[in-house]
Amino acid sequence: MASEFFNKVYTVVRQIPEGQVTTYGHVARFLGTGRSARVVGYAMNASHKDPSVPAHRVVNRKGVLTGKHFFGGSTLMEDLLKSEGILVVDDQIQDFEQCIWDPMEHLNQEEYFTDLL
């Protein structure tokens, strides 16, 4: 069972539009826990049994597919991103700045936290 924090992470990640990605740090900062990017990663790793969480859209701050090992040791993370039009070369998203989605720019924190109460 996911923790309350993990559920908050999943709620944010479900908002990432197809064809865009965010970082562990962007999610952590939106949740008001800017130093917990690693915990966001743990949440992504734990989400693979829930197909409603697009964990493949969360990458590290440099656009590297650091979570790819948690997709069954396959190229699934890369394949999913490519199917959404994101170019990946050697586990690195190309034109990363063009693909980035920042929840601080697209979601309202006040509404978000009110909805979770």
N, C-alpha and C. Protein backbone atom coordinates (compact mmCIF):
# COMPACT_ATOMS: atom_id res chain seq x y z
N MET A 1 0.84 -1.18 0.00
CA MET A 1 0.00 0.00 0.00
C MET A 1 0.88 1.24 0.00
N ALA A 2 0.54 2.20 -0.82
CA ALA A 2 1.34 3.42 -0.97
C ALA A 2 1.11 4.36 0.22
N SER A 3 2.16 5.08 0.57
CA SER A 3 2.05 6.06 1.64
C SER A 3 1.29 7.28 1.14
N GLU A 4 0.93 8.15 2.06
CA GLU A 4 0.24 9.39 1.69
C GLU A 4 1.12 10.22 0.75
N PHE A 5 2.42 10.28 1.03
CA PHE A 5 3.32 11.03 0.16
C PHE A 5 3.36 10.41 -1.23
N PHE A 6 3.46 9.10 -1.32
CA PHE A 6 3.48 8.44 -2.63
C PHE A 6 2.21 8.78 -3.40
N ASN A 7 1.07 8.77 -2.72
CA ASN A 7 -0.19 9.08 -3.40
C ASN A 7 -0.20 10.51 -3.92
N LYS A 8 0.40 11.44 -3.19
CA LYS A 8 0.51 12.82 -3.67
C LYS A 8 1.39 12.87 -4.92
N VAL A 9 2.48 12.13 -4.89
CA VAL A 9 3.37 12.05 -6.06
C VAL A 9 2.58 11.53 -7.26
N TYR A 10 1.84 10.45 -7.07
CA TYR A 10 1.09 9.85 -8.18
C TYR A 10 0.05 10.82 -8.75
N THR A 11 -0.57 11.60 -7.88
CA THR A 11 -1.56 12.57 -8.34
C THR A 11 -0.91 13.60 -9.26
N VAL A 12 0.28 14.07 -8.90
CA VAL A 12 1.01 15.02 -9.75
C VAL A 12 1.43 14.36 -11.06
N VAL A 13 2.02 13.18 -10.96
CA VAL A 13 2.55 12.50 -12.15
C VAL A 13 1.45 12.19 -13.15
N ARG A 14 0.26 11.89 -12.68
CA ARG A 14 -0.85 11.62 -13.58
C ARG A 14 -1.23 12.84 -14.43
N GLN A 15 -0.78 14.01 -14.03
CA GLN A 15 -1.10 15.24 -14.76
C GLN A 15 -0.12 15.54 -15.90
N ILE A 16 1.01 14.83 -15.95
CA ILE A 16 2.02 15.09 -16.99
C ILE A 16 1.42 14.74 -18.35
N PRO A 17 1.39 15.68 -19.26
CA PRO A 17 0.81 15.39 -20.57
C PRO A 17 1.66 14.41 -21.38
N GLU A 18 1.00 13.65 -22.22
CA GLU A 18 1.70 12.76 -23.14
C GLU A 18 2.66 13.60 -23.98
N GLY A 19 3.86 13.07 -24.17
CA GLY A 19 4.86 13.77 -24.97
C GLY A 19 5.70 14.75 -24.18
N GLN A 20 5.50 14.78 -22.87
CA GLN A 20 6.30 15.64 -22.01
C GLN A 20 6.80 14.82 -20.82
N VAL A 21 7.83 15.36 -20.15
CA VAL A 21 8.40 14.70 -18.98
C VAL A 21 8.61 15.74 -17.88
N THR A 22 8.80 15.25 -16.68
CA THR A 22 9.19 16.10 -15.57
C THR A 22 10.33 15.41 -14.84
N THR A 23 10.86 16.07 -13.83
CA THR A 23 11.95 15.47 -13.07
C THR A 23 11.48 15.12 -11.67
N TYR A 24 12.25 14.27 -11.02
CA TYR A 24 11.97 13.92 -9.63
C TYR A 24 11.96 15.20 -8.79
N GLY A 25 12.91 16.08 -9.06
CA GLY A 25 13.01 17.32 -8.30
C GLY A 25 11.85 18.26 -8.52
N HIS A 26 11.34 18.35 -9.75
CA HIS A 26 10.18 19.20 -10.02
C HIS A 26 8.98 18.73 -9.20
N VAL A 27 8.76 17.43 -9.15
CA VAL A 27 7.64 16.90 -8.37
C VAL A 27 7.84 17.18 -6.89
N ALA A 28 9.05 16.95 -6.39
CA ALA A 28 9.34 17.18 -4.98
C ALA A 28 9.11 18.65 -4.60
N ARG A 29 9.61 19.56 -5.44
CA ARG A 29 9.43 20.99 -5.16
C ARG A 29 7.95 21.37 -5.15
N PHE A 30 7.19 20.85 -6.09
CA PHE A 30 5.76 21.15 -6.13
C PHE A 30 5.08 20.71 -4.84
N LEU A 31 5.50 19.57 -4.32
CA LEU A 31 4.90 19.04 -3.09
C LEU A 31 5.43 19.73 -1.84
N GLY A 32 6.32 20.69 -2.01
CA GLY A 32 6.85 21.41 -0.87
C GLY A 32 7.95 20.69 -0.13
N THR A 33 8.52 19.68 -0.79
CA THR A 33 9.59 18.89 -0.17
C THR A 33 10.77 18.82 -1.14
N GLY A 34 11.30 19.97 -1.47
CA GLY A 34 12.32 20.08 -2.50
C GLY A 34 13.54 19.20 -2.35
N ARG A 35 13.81 18.73 -1.15
CA ARG A 35 14.99 17.90 -0.93
C ARG A 35 14.64 16.40 -0.96
N SER A 36 13.47 16.07 -1.45
CA SER A 36 13.05 14.66 -1.42
C SER A 36 12.90 14.06 -2.82
N ALA A 37 13.71 14.52 -3.77
CA ALA A 37 13.64 13.97 -5.12
C ALA A 37 13.86 12.45 -5.11
N ARG A 38 14.74 11.99 -4.26
CA ARG A 38 15.01 10.55 -4.19
C ARG A 38 13.76 9.78 -3.74
N VAL A 39 13.00 10.35 -2.83
CA VAL A 39 11.77 9.69 -2.37
C VAL A 39 10.74 9.67 -3.50
N VAL A 40 10.71 10.70 -4.32
CA VAL A 40 9.84 10.69 -5.50
C VAL A 40 10.25 9.52 -6.40
N GLY A 41 11.55 9.29 -6.53
CA GLY A 41 12.04 8.14 -7.29
C GLY A 41 11.56 6.83 -6.70
N TYR A 42 11.59 6.73 -5.38
CA TYR A 42 11.08 5.51 -4.73
C TYR A 42 9.60 5.32 -5.04
N ALA A 43 8.86 6.42 -5.05
CA ALA A 43 7.43 6.33 -5.37
C ALA A 43 7.23 5.84 -6.80
N MET A 44 8.06 6.35 -7.72
CA MET A 44 7.95 5.90 -9.11
C MET A 44 8.26 4.40 -9.21
N ASN A 45 9.26 3.95 -8.51
CA ASN A 45 9.62 2.53 -8.53
C ASN A 45 8.49 1.66 -7.99
N ALA A 46 7.77 2.19 -7.01
CA ALA A 46 6.67 1.43 -6.41
C ALA A 46 5.38 1.50 -7.23
N SER A 47 5.36 2.33 -8.25
CA SER A 47 4.11 2.57 -8.99
C SER A 47 3.86 1.62 -10.15
N HIS A 48 4.79 0.76 -10.43
CA HIS A 48 4.71 -0.02 -11.67
C HIS A 48 3.54 -1.00 -11.74
N LYS A 49 2.89 -1.25 -10.64
CA LYS A 49 1.70 -2.12 -10.67
C LYS A 49 0.43 -1.32 -10.93
N ASP A 50 0.57 0.00 -11.03
CA ASP A 50 -0.58 0.88 -11.28
C ASP A 50 -0.42 1.54 -12.65
N PRO A 51 -1.08 1.02 -13.66
CA PRO A 51 -0.91 1.56 -15.02
C PRO A 51 -1.40 3.00 -15.18
N SER A 52 -2.12 3.52 -14.19
CA SER A 52 -2.60 4.90 -14.30
C SER A 52 -1.51 5.93 -13.98
N VAL A 53 -0.36 5.45 -13.49
CA VAL A 53 0.75 6.35 -13.15
C VAL A 53 1.80 6.25 -14.27
N PRO A 54 1.96 7.29 -15.07
CA PRO A 54 2.93 7.25 -16.17
C PRO A 54 4.37 7.49 -15.67
N ALA A 55 4.90 6.54 -14.95
CA ALA A 55 6.22 6.66 -14.33
C ALA A 55 7.32 6.90 -15.37
N HIS A 56 7.09 6.47 -16.60
CA HIS A 56 8.10 6.66 -17.64
C HIS A 56 8.32 8.14 -17.97
N ARG A 57 7.42 9.00 -17.54
CA ARG A 57 7.54 10.43 -17.83
C ARG A 57 8.31 11.20 -16.76
N VAL A 58 8.91 10.49 -15.81
CA VAL A 58 9.68 11.14 -14.75
C VAL A 58 11.13 10.70 -14.89
N VAL A 59 12.02 11.69 -15.05
CA VAL A 59 13.43 11.42 -15.32
C VAL A 59 14.29 12.27 -14.38
N ASN A 60 15.60 12.09 -14.47
CA ASN A 60 16.45 12.90 -13.60
C ASN A 60 16.61 14.31 -14.16
N ARG A 61 17.29 15.17 -13.43
CA ARG A 61 17.37 16.60 -13.77
C ARG A 61 18.12 16.88 -15.06
N LYS A 62 18.82 15.88 -15.57
CA LYS A 62 19.55 16.06 -16.82
C LYS A 62 18.84 15.38 -18.00
N GLY A 63 17.68 14.79 -17.74
CA GLY A 63 16.94 14.12 -18.80
C GLY A 63 17.38 12.71 -19.06
N VAL A 64 18.09 12.12 -18.11
CA VAL A 64 18.57 10.74 -18.25
C VAL A 64 17.52 9.79 -17.68
N LEU A 65 17.34 8.67 -18.36
CA LEU A 65 16.35 7.67 -17.94
C LEU A 65 16.90 6.82 -16.80
N THR A 66 17.10 7.44 -15.64
CA THR A 66 17.69 6.72 -14.51
C THR A 66 16.74 5.66 -13.94
N GLY A 67 15.45 5.78 -14.19
CA GLY A 67 14.50 4.81 -13.68
C GLY A 67 14.28 3.62 -14.60
N LYS A 68 15.01 3.55 -15.69
CA LYS A 68 14.76 2.50 -16.70
C LYS A 68 14.95 1.09 -16.15
N HIS A 69 15.78 0.94 -15.14
CA HIS A 69 16.06 -0.39 -14.58
C HIS A 69 14.84 -0.97 -13.87
N PHE A 70 13.89 -0.11 -13.54
CA PHE A 70 12.71 -0.57 -12.83
C PHE A 70 11.56 -0.90 -13.77
N PHE A 71 11.85 -0.95 -15.06
CA PHE A 71 10.88 -1.34 -16.07
C PHE A 71 11.19 -2.75 -16.56
N GLY A 72 11.55 -3.61 -15.66
CA GLY A 72 11.79 -5.02 -16.00
C GLY A 72 13.08 -5.27 -16.75
N GLY A 73 14.04 -4.35 -16.64
CA GLY A 73 15.33 -4.56 -17.30
C GLY A 73 15.26 -4.50 -18.81
N SER A 74 14.19 -3.93 -19.31
CA SER A 74 14.00 -3.85 -20.76
C SER A 74 14.16 -2.41 -21.23
N THR A 75 13.82 -2.17 -22.45
CA THR A 75 13.84 -0.81 -23.00
C THR A 75 12.45 -0.18 -22.93
N LEU A 76 11.61 -0.71 -22.07
CA LEU A 76 10.21 -0.26 -22.02
C LEU A 76 10.08 1.24 -21.76
N MET A 77 10.85 1.78 -20.82
CA MET A 77 10.74 3.21 -20.52
C MET A 77 11.05 4.03 -21.77
N GLU A 78 12.14 3.69 -22.43
CA GLU A 78 12.52 4.38 -23.66
C GLU A 78 11.46 4.20 -24.74
N ASP A 79 10.97 2.99 -24.89
CA ASP A 79 9.96 2.71 -25.91
C ASP A 79 8.69 3.52 -25.68
N LEU A 80 8.27 3.62 -24.41
CA LEU A 80 7.07 4.39 -24.09
C LEU A 80 7.27 5.87 -24.42
N LEU A 81 8.43 6.40 -24.07
CA LEU A 81 8.71 7.81 -24.37
C LEU A 81 8.76 8.04 -25.88
N LYS A 82 9.41 7.15 -26.59
CA LYS A 82 9.48 7.28 -28.05
C LYS A 82 8.09 7.21 -28.68
N SER A 83 7.22 6.36 -28.13
CA SER A 83 5.86 6.24 -28.68
C SER A 83 5.07 7.53 -28.49
N GLU A 84 5.53 8.39 -27.57
CA GLU A 84 4.88 9.68 -27.33
C GLU A 84 5.58 10.82 -28.06
N GLY A 85 6.56 10.47 -28.91
CA GLY A 85 7.24 11.46 -29.71
C GLY A 85 8.48 12.07 -29.09
N ILE A 86 8.96 11.50 -28.01
CA ILE A 86 10.16 12.01 -27.34
C ILE A 86 11.36 11.26 -27.88
N LEU A 87 12.35 11.99 -28.34
CA LEU A 87 13.57 11.40 -28.89
C LEU A 87 14.53 11.06 -27.75
N VAL A 88 14.94 9.79 -27.71
CA VAL A 88 15.88 9.32 -26.69
C VAL A 88 17.06 8.68 -27.39
N VAL A 89 18.27 9.10 -27.01
CA VAL A 89 19.50 8.54 -27.56
C VAL A 89 20.41 8.20 -26.38
N ASP A 90 20.82 6.94 -26.31
CA ASP A 90 21.71 6.49 -25.23
C ASP A 90 21.16 6.86 -23.85
N ASP A 91 19.89 6.57 -23.64
CA ASP A 91 19.21 6.81 -22.36
C ASP A 91 19.12 8.29 -21.98
N GLN A 92 19.27 9.17 -22.93
CA GLN A 92 19.22 10.61 -22.69
C GLN A 92 18.15 11.23 -23.59
N ILE A 93 17.24 12.00 -22.98
CA ILE A 93 16.22 12.68 -23.76
C ILE A 93 16.89 13.82 -24.53
N GLN A 94 16.65 13.86 -25.83
CA GLN A 94 17.17 14.92 -26.68
C GLN A 94 16.19 16.10 -26.62
N ASP A 95 16.71 17.30 -26.78
CA ASP A 95 15.87 18.50 -26.68
C ASP A 95 15.07 18.50 -25.37
N PHE A 96 15.77 18.14 -24.30
CA PHE A 96 15.15 17.98 -22.99
C PHE A 96 14.36 19.22 -22.57
N GLU A 97 14.92 20.38 -22.78
CA GLU A 97 14.24 21.62 -22.36
C GLU A 97 12.91 21.81 -23.09
N GLN A 98 12.78 21.26 -24.28
CA GLN A 98 11.53 21.37 -25.03
C GLN A 98 10.46 20.40 -24.52
N CYS A 99 10.89 19.36 -23.82
CA CYS A 99 9.97 18.32 -23.35
C CYS A 99 9.56 18.49 -21.89
N ILE A 100 10.24 19.38 -21.18
CA ILE A 100 10.04 19.45 -19.73
C ILE A 100 8.70 20.08 -19.37
N TRP A 101 8.05 19.49 -18.39
CA TRP A 101 6.78 19.97 -17.85
C TRP A 101 7.00 20.20 -16.37
N ASP A 102 6.80 21.42 -15.92
CA ASP A 102 7.02 21.78 -14.52
C ASP A 102 5.67 21.96 -13.84
N PRO A 103 5.35 21.13 -12.87
CA PRO A 103 4.04 21.25 -12.20
C PRO A 103 3.83 22.62 -11.56
N MET A 104 4.92 23.30 -11.17
CA MET A 104 4.78 24.64 -10.57
C MET A 104 4.21 25.63 -11.59
N GLU A 105 4.41 25.38 -12.87
CA GLU A 105 3.91 26.27 -13.91
C GLU A 105 2.51 25.88 -14.40
N HIS A 106 2.14 24.62 -14.18
CA HIS A 106 0.90 24.12 -14.78
C HIS A 106 -0.18 23.72 -13.79
N LEU A 107 0.18 23.55 -12.53
CA LEU A 107 -0.80 23.18 -11.51
C LEU A 107 -0.84 24.25 -10.44
N ASN A 108 -1.98 24.42 -9.82
CA ASN A 108 -2.14 25.38 -8.75
C ASN A 108 -1.94 24.65 -7.43
N GLN A 109 -0.87 25.00 -6.71
CA GLN A 109 -0.56 24.32 -5.46
C GLN A 109 -1.70 24.43 -4.45
N GLU A 110 -2.28 25.60 -4.33
CA GLU A 110 -3.35 25.77 -3.33
C GLU A 110 -4.52 24.86 -3.63
N GLU A 111 -4.96 24.81 -4.88
CA GLU A 111 -6.06 23.93 -5.26
C GLU A 111 -5.66 22.48 -5.09
N TYR A 112 -4.44 22.17 -5.46
CA TYR A 112 -3.96 20.80 -5.38
C TYR A 112 -3.99 20.29 -3.95
N PHE A 113 -3.45 21.09 -3.03
CA PHE A 113 -3.40 20.65 -1.64
C PHE A 113 -4.78 20.65 -1.00
N THR A 114 -5.66 21.56 -1.42
CA THR A 114 -7.03 21.57 -0.91
C THR A 114 -7.76 20.31 -1.35
N ASP A 115 -7.56 19.93 -2.61
CA ASP A 115 -8.22 18.73 -3.14
C ASP A 115 -7.76 17.47 -2.44
N LEU A 116 -6.54 17.46 -1.92
CA LEU A 116 -6.02 16.26 -1.26
C LEU A 116 -6.45 16.13 0.18
N LEU A 117 -7.00 17.18 0.74
CA LEU A 117 -7.43 17.13 2.15
C LEU A 117 -8.73 16.39 2.31
